[in-house]
Amino acid sequence: MEQLMNYFETIPPLHRTLILVGGITFFWILEGIVPLFSVKYKKWRHAVPNFFFTLTTILVNFPLAFLLLKTSDWAVQNDFGIINWLPEMPLWLYVVLGVMLLDLIGAYAAHWVEHKVKPFWMIHLVHHTDHNVDTTTANRHHPLESLIRYFFTLLGVFLVGAPIGIIMLYQSLSVVLSQFNHANIRLPRKVDDALSWVIVSPDMHKVHHHYVLPYTDSNYGNIFSIWDRLFGTYMKLDPEKIVYGVDTFPDEKENGSILGLLKQPFHKYRKPTTGQS
């Protein structure tokens, strides 16, 4: 565990890029072998806006990364934060708790807020208006959402008191797990169910991308599924019944246009329907 932390404390930018690109490539290939939905859509054309928003996410986060480092350094030097206030524990437990708490604040809480605060939902809408969810959808976030997510991650680093090694490990896991649970892959039902007790599995997260409430407002987790089960936001739905998109924004042409998606947060709020499946 010490060697793992040493690696992530000094992880080269090239390795972080390889994690991002390698994950997309691996799950992209896997989607062609064991697809959940055998929908005939043009994968490369569909991926263009998603890759565009992957790039904007990188561009937003890169210049702000130093704030994460400065906040982490301050917390560690001042013995501040939840994991630093707990009794002494083995390194492996310290790391696991750090990653879990960052996942709670930086991912689950951020995601929940984006669904409950109307202006934030209009920004987050870009992620949900994908009509063919696959591994590229994982990084489909409007630049404004990248700022929101960054703020919650920074808040998480501050409150948790996470050292930089745990932060880099968390972000790497977050990237890969998000690509995994968005991927259009079919796992054996029992395997997916078993995974969903620990991590967010593909079938579990696909429920969140169903086009109507209450399913859209469920399964907010990114890495760990415990938060949805603990806070009562976990739901199940037969994958065969899932329809991707958002009921109030059904225009697939606009939802596949970079310009249309950039404008999407500035549309007038449209109240969703409820109670359908």
Protein backbone atom coordinates (compact mmCIF):
# COMPACT_ATOMS: atom_id res chain seq x y z
CA MET A 1 0.00 0.00 0.00
CA GLU A 2 2.89 2.35 0.76
CA GLN A 3 4.33 1.77 -2.72
CA LEU A 4 0.89 2.44 -4.24
CA MET A 5 0.64 5.75 -2.39
CA ASN A 6 4.18 6.71 -3.44
CA TYR A 7 3.24 6.05 -7.06
CA PHE A 8 0.06 8.15 -6.97
CA GLU A 9 1.79 10.99 -5.11
CA THR A 10 4.05 11.48 -8.13
CA ILE A 11 1.97 9.95 -10.94
CA PRO A 12 3.23 11.37 -14.27
CA PRO A 13 0.73 13.26 -16.47
CA LEU A 14 1.37 10.67 -19.20
CA HIS A 15 0.17 7.87 -16.92
CA ARG A 16 -3.01 9.81 -16.08
CA THR A 17 -3.64 10.28 -19.80
CA LEU A 18 -3.08 6.57 -20.41
CA ILE A 19 -5.65 5.73 -17.71
CA LEU A 20 -8.24 7.95 -19.44
CA VAL A 21 -7.52 6.84 -23.00
CA GLY A 22 -6.82 3.22 -22.07
CA GLY A 23 -10.10 2.93 -20.19
CA ILE A 24 -12.18 4.30 -23.05
CA THR A 25 -10.37 2.08 -25.55
CA PHE A 26 -10.78 -1.08 -23.46
CA PHE A 27 -14.50 -0.59 -22.77
CA TRP A 28 -15.13 0.57 -26.35
CA ILE A 29 -13.75 -2.77 -27.59
CA LEU A 30 -15.69 -4.68 -24.94
CA GLU A 31 -18.92 -2.98 -26.04
CA GLY A 32 -18.48 -4.58 -29.44
CA ILE A 33 -18.06 -8.04 -27.91
CA VAL A 34 -20.76 -8.13 -25.20
CA PRO A 35 -23.14 -5.20 -25.79
CA LEU A 36 -26.06 -4.56 -23.46
CA PHE A 37 -28.06 -3.00 -26.29
CA SER A 38 -27.29 -4.00 -29.88
CA VAL A 39 -28.48 -0.65 -31.20
CA LYS A 40 -27.20 0.26 -34.64
CA TYR A 41 -25.91 3.78 -34.13
CA LYS A 42 -22.84 5.43 -35.62
CA LYS A 43 -20.44 5.12 -32.71
CA TRP A 44 -17.81 7.53 -34.00
CA ARG A 45 -20.35 10.22 -34.87
CA HIS A 46 -22.00 9.72 -31.48
CA ALA A 47 -18.62 9.96 -29.75
CA VAL A 48 -17.63 13.33 -31.27
CA PRO A 49 -19.58 15.58 -28.85
CA ASN A 50 -18.66 13.30 -25.95
CA PHE A 51 -14.96 13.54 -26.81
CA PHE A 52 -15.36 17.31 -27.18
CA PHE A 53 -16.70 17.55 -23.63
CA THR A 54 -13.96 15.24 -22.40
CA LEU A 55 -11.48 17.79 -23.75
CA THR A 56 -13.29 20.75 -22.15
CA THR A 57 -13.31 18.90 -18.81
CA ILE A 58 -9.53 18.49 -19.03
CA LEU A 59 -9.10 22.15 -20.00
CA VAL A 60 -11.22 23.32 -17.06
CA ASN A 61 -9.57 21.08 -14.49
CA PHE A 62 -5.93 21.40 -15.55
CA PRO A 63 -5.33 25.06 -14.55
CA LEU A 64 -7.26 24.55 -11.29
CA ALA A 65 -5.34 21.45 -10.21
CA PHE A 66 -2.89 23.51 -8.16
CA LEU A 67 -5.74 24.44 -5.76
CA LEU A 68 -6.27 20.77 -4.97
CA LEU A 69 -2.56 20.40 -4.25
CA LYS A 70 -2.42 23.54 -2.08
CA THR A 71 -5.54 22.55 -0.13
CA SER A 72 -4.24 19.02 0.38
CA ASP A 73 -0.84 20.26 1.55
CA TRP A 74 -2.45 22.68 4.00
CA ALA A 75 -4.76 20.00 5.44
CA VAL A 76 -1.92 17.51 5.92
CA GLN A 77 0.44 20.08 7.44
CA ASN A 78 -2.24 21.30 9.86
CA ASP A 79 -3.59 17.83 10.65
CA PHE A 80 -7.00 18.98 9.42
CA GLY A 81 -9.83 16.85 8.05
CA ILE A 82 -11.94 13.83 8.94
CA ILE A 83 -9.36 11.12 8.29
CA ASN A 84 -6.76 13.06 10.27
CA TRP A 85 -9.05 13.39 13.28
CA LEU A 86 -9.78 9.66 13.51
CA PRO A 87 -7.72 7.34 15.76
CA GLU A 88 -4.53 5.94 14.23
CA MET A 89 -5.27 3.14 11.78
CA PRO A 90 -3.50 0.86 9.29
CA LEU A 91 -2.44 2.61 6.08
CA TRP A 92 -4.79 0.51 3.93
CA LEU A 93 -7.81 1.58 6.01
CA TYR A 94 -6.67 5.21 5.95
CA VAL A 95 -6.52 5.06 2.14
CA VAL A 96 -9.87 3.25 1.73
CA LEU A 97 -11.67 5.69 4.04
CA GLY A 98 -10.08 8.64 2.26
CA VAL A 99 -11.20 7.42 -1.18
CA MET A 100 -14.70 6.58 0.08
CA LEU A 101 -15.20 9.98 1.68
CA LEU A 102 -13.95 11.79 -1.41
CA ASP A 103 -16.40 9.71 -3.44
CA LEU A 104 -19.22 10.70 -1.07
CA ILE A 105 -18.54 14.45 -1.21
CA GLY A 106 -16.92 14.88 -4.61
CA ALA A 107 -19.22 12.58 -6.57
CA TYR A 108 -22.39 11.43 -4.77
CA ALA A 109 -23.19 14.75 -3.04
CA ALA A 110 -22.32 16.77 -6.15
CA HIS A 111 -24.52 14.54 -8.30
CA TRP A 112 -27.45 14.70 -5.87
CA VAL A 113 -27.26 18.51 -5.75
CA GLU A 114 -27.19 18.70 -9.55
CA HIS A 115 -30.50 16.86 -9.68
CA LYS A 116 -32.18 18.85 -6.91
CA VAL A 117 -31.17 22.44 -7.77
CA LYS A 118 -32.90 23.51 -11.00
CA PRO A 119 -30.12 25.68 -12.52
CA PHE A 120 -27.61 22.89 -11.78
CA TRP A 121 -29.95 20.32 -13.33
CA MET A 122 -30.09 22.37 -16.54
CA ILE A 123 -26.29 22.23 -16.66
CA HIS A 124 -26.16 18.52 -15.79
CA LEU A 125 -28.80 17.88 -18.47
CA VAL A 126 -26.05 17.68 -21.10
CA HIS A 127 -24.91 14.41 -19.53
CA HIS A 128 -28.42 12.95 -19.51
CA THR A 129 -29.54 13.83 -23.03
CA ASP A 130 -27.37 11.13 -24.58
CA HIS A 131 -29.71 8.74 -26.40
CA ASN A 132 -27.07 6.02 -26.76
CA VAL A 133 -25.24 5.73 -23.46
CA ASP A 134 -21.83 4.11 -23.79
CA THR A 135 -18.37 4.45 -22.28
CA THR A 136 -17.82 7.86 -23.97
CA THR A 137 -20.86 9.23 -22.11
CA ALA A 138 -18.86 9.08 -18.87
CA ASN A 139 -17.04 12.29 -19.75
CA ARG A 140 -19.95 14.14 -21.38
CA HIS A 141 -20.17 17.14 -19.03
CA HIS A 142 -20.81 20.78 -19.90
CA PRO A 143 -17.84 23.04 -18.93
CA LEU A 144 -20.05 24.65 -16.26
CA GLU A 145 -20.64 21.22 -14.74
CA SER A 146 -16.90 20.63 -14.72
CA LEU A 147 -16.63 23.71 -12.49
CA ILE A 148 -19.40 22.46 -10.19
CA ARG A 149 -17.76 19.03 -9.88
CA TYR A 150 -14.40 20.67 -9.28
CA PHE A 151 -15.82 22.76 -6.42
CA PHE A 152 -17.24 19.66 -4.71
CA THR A 153 -13.96 17.78 -5.17
CA LEU A 154 -12.08 20.71 -3.64
CA LEU A 155 -14.58 20.79 -0.77
CA GLY A 156 -14.07 17.05 -0.31
CA VAL A 157 -10.28 17.41 -0.18
CA PHE A 158 -10.65 20.14 2.45
CA LEU A 159 -13.17 18.32 4.66
CA VAL A 160 -11.54 14.89 4.34
CA GLY A 161 -7.99 16.21 4.70
CA ALA A 162 -6.78 13.87 1.98
CA PRO A 163 -3.10 13.78 1.00
CA ILE A 164 -2.29 14.11 -2.68
CA GLY A 165 -1.68 10.36 -3.12
CA ILE A 166 -5.25 9.54 -2.05
CA ILE A 167 -6.61 12.33 -4.28
CA MET A 168 -4.82 11.00 -7.36
CA LEU A 169 -5.91 7.43 -6.57
CA TYR A 170 -9.51 8.60 -6.13
CA GLN A 171 -9.51 10.53 -9.40
CA SER A 172 -8.00 7.59 -11.31
CA LEU A 173 -10.58 5.18 -9.89
CA SER A 174 -13.33 7.69 -10.61
CA VAL A 175 -12.36 7.92 -14.29
CA VAL A 176 -12.17 4.15 -14.83
CA LEU A 177 -15.29 3.27 -12.81
CA SER A 178 -17.32 5.93 -14.60
CA GLN A 179 -16.21 4.54 -17.98
CA PHE A 180 -17.07 1.04 -16.73
CA ASN A 181 -20.55 1.78 -15.41
CA HIS A 182 -21.51 3.83 -18.48
CA ALA A 183 -20.21 1.21 -20.91
CA ASN A 184 -22.76 -0.50 -23.12
CA ILE A 185 -21.77 -3.96 -21.86
CA ARG A 186 -23.81 -6.90 -20.63
CA LEU A 187 -22.48 -8.73 -17.59
CA PRO A 188 -24.09 -11.93 -16.29
CA ARG A 189 -27.00 -10.73 -14.12
CA LYS A 190 -25.66 -12.40 -10.97
CA VAL A 191 -22.22 -10.86 -11.49
CA ASP A 192 -23.69 -7.40 -11.99
CA ASP A 193 -25.91 -7.78 -8.90
CA ALA A 194 -22.95 -8.94 -6.81
CA LEU A 195 -20.78 -6.03 -7.96
CA SER A 196 -23.57 -3.57 -7.20
CA TRP A 197 -23.23 -4.30 -3.48
CA VAL A 198 -19.74 -2.80 -3.53
CA ILE A 199 -19.28 -0.63 -6.62
CA VAL A 200 -21.61 1.02 -9.10
CA SER A 201 -22.18 -1.66 -11.75
CA PRO A 202 -23.27 -1.04 -15.37
CA ASP A 203 -26.87 -2.20 -14.86
CA MET A 204 -27.15 -0.17 -11.68
CA HIS A 205 -26.01 3.06 -13.29
CA LYS A 206 -28.04 2.59 -16.48
CA VAL A 207 -31.19 2.94 -14.33
CA HIS A 208 -30.07 6.50 -13.59
CA HIS A 209 -30.10 7.24 -17.34
CA HIS A 210 -33.72 6.11 -17.82
CA TYR A 211 -35.66 8.95 -19.39
CA VAL A 212 -38.28 9.56 -16.68
CA LEU A 213 -38.58 9.99 -12.93
CA PRO A 214 -38.26 8.52 -10.40
CA TYR A 215 -35.46 6.51 -12.01
CA THR A 216 -33.51 9.56 -13.20
CA ASP A 217 -33.28 10.67 -9.56
CA SER A 218 -31.69 7.47 -8.31
CA ASN A 219 -28.34 5.67 -8.26
CA TYR A 220 -26.19 8.79 -8.00
CA GLY A 221 -23.02 6.92 -7.01
CA ASN A 222 -19.85 6.89 -9.06
CA ILE A 223 -17.41 4.47 -7.44
CA PHE A 224 -19.13 2.98 -4.38
CA SER A 225 -22.77 1.87 -4.31
CA ILE A 226 -22.98 2.11 -0.51
CA TRP A 227 -24.09 5.76 -0.59
CA ASP A 228 -27.21 5.06 -2.65
CA ARG A 229 -28.16 2.16 -0.40
CA LEU A 230 -27.41 4.15 2.77
CA PHE A 231 -29.33 7.28 1.74
CA GLY A 232 -32.28 5.52 0.11
CA THR A 233 -31.58 6.54 -3.48
CA TYR A 234 -30.97 3.02 -4.81
CA MET A 235 -33.40 1.68 -7.43
CA LYS A 236 -33.55 -1.31 -9.76
CA LEU A 237 -35.10 -1.60 -13.20
CA ASP A 238 -34.96 -4.36 -15.78
CA PRO A 239 -32.29 -3.25 -18.30
CA GLU A 240 -34.61 -4.24 -21.14
CA LYS A 241 -37.06 -1.50 -20.05
CA ILE A 242 -34.50 1.28 -19.98
CA VAL A 243 -34.91 4.14 -22.46
CA TYR A 244 -32.06 6.64 -22.51
CA GLY A 245 -32.45 10.40 -22.60
CA VAL A 246 -34.69 12.92 -20.83
CA ASP A 247 -38.43 13.04 -21.43
CA THR A 248 -38.60 16.85 -21.63
CA PHE A 249 -35.66 17.19 -24.04
CA PRO A 250 -36.37 14.52 -26.68
CA ASP A 251 -34.74 16.18 -29.73
CA GLU A 252 -32.05 13.66 -30.62
CA LYS A 253 -30.55 15.88 -33.32
CA GLU A 254 -30.03 18.79 -30.91
CA ASN A 255 -28.81 16.40 -28.22
CA GLY A 256 -26.11 15.18 -30.59
CA SER A 257 -24.91 18.64 -31.59
CA ILE A 258 -21.97 20.27 -29.80
CA LEU A 259 -23.46 23.74 -30.28
CA GLY A 260 -26.89 22.55 -29.18
CA LEU A 261 -25.43 20.96 -26.04
CA LEU A 262 -23.40 24.06 -25.19
CA LYS A 263 -26.65 26.07 -25.29
CA GLN A 264 -28.70 23.48 -23.40
CA PRO A 265 -28.17 24.84 -19.85
CA PHE A 266 -29.69 28.15 -20.95
CA HIS A 267 -33.05 26.71 -22.02
CA LYS A 268 -36.06 27.44 -19.85
CA TYR A 269 -36.55 24.78 -17.18
CA ARG A 270 -39.04 22.07 -18.18
CA LYS A 271 -40.77 20.14 -15.44
CA PRO A 272 -40.25 16.36 -15.90
CA THR A 273 -43.03 13.79 -15.83
CA THR A 274 -43.15 11.15 -13.09
CA GLY A 275 -44.25 7.64 -12.33
CA GLN A 276 -43.49 6.02 -15.70
CA SER A 277 -41.21 3.08 -16.42
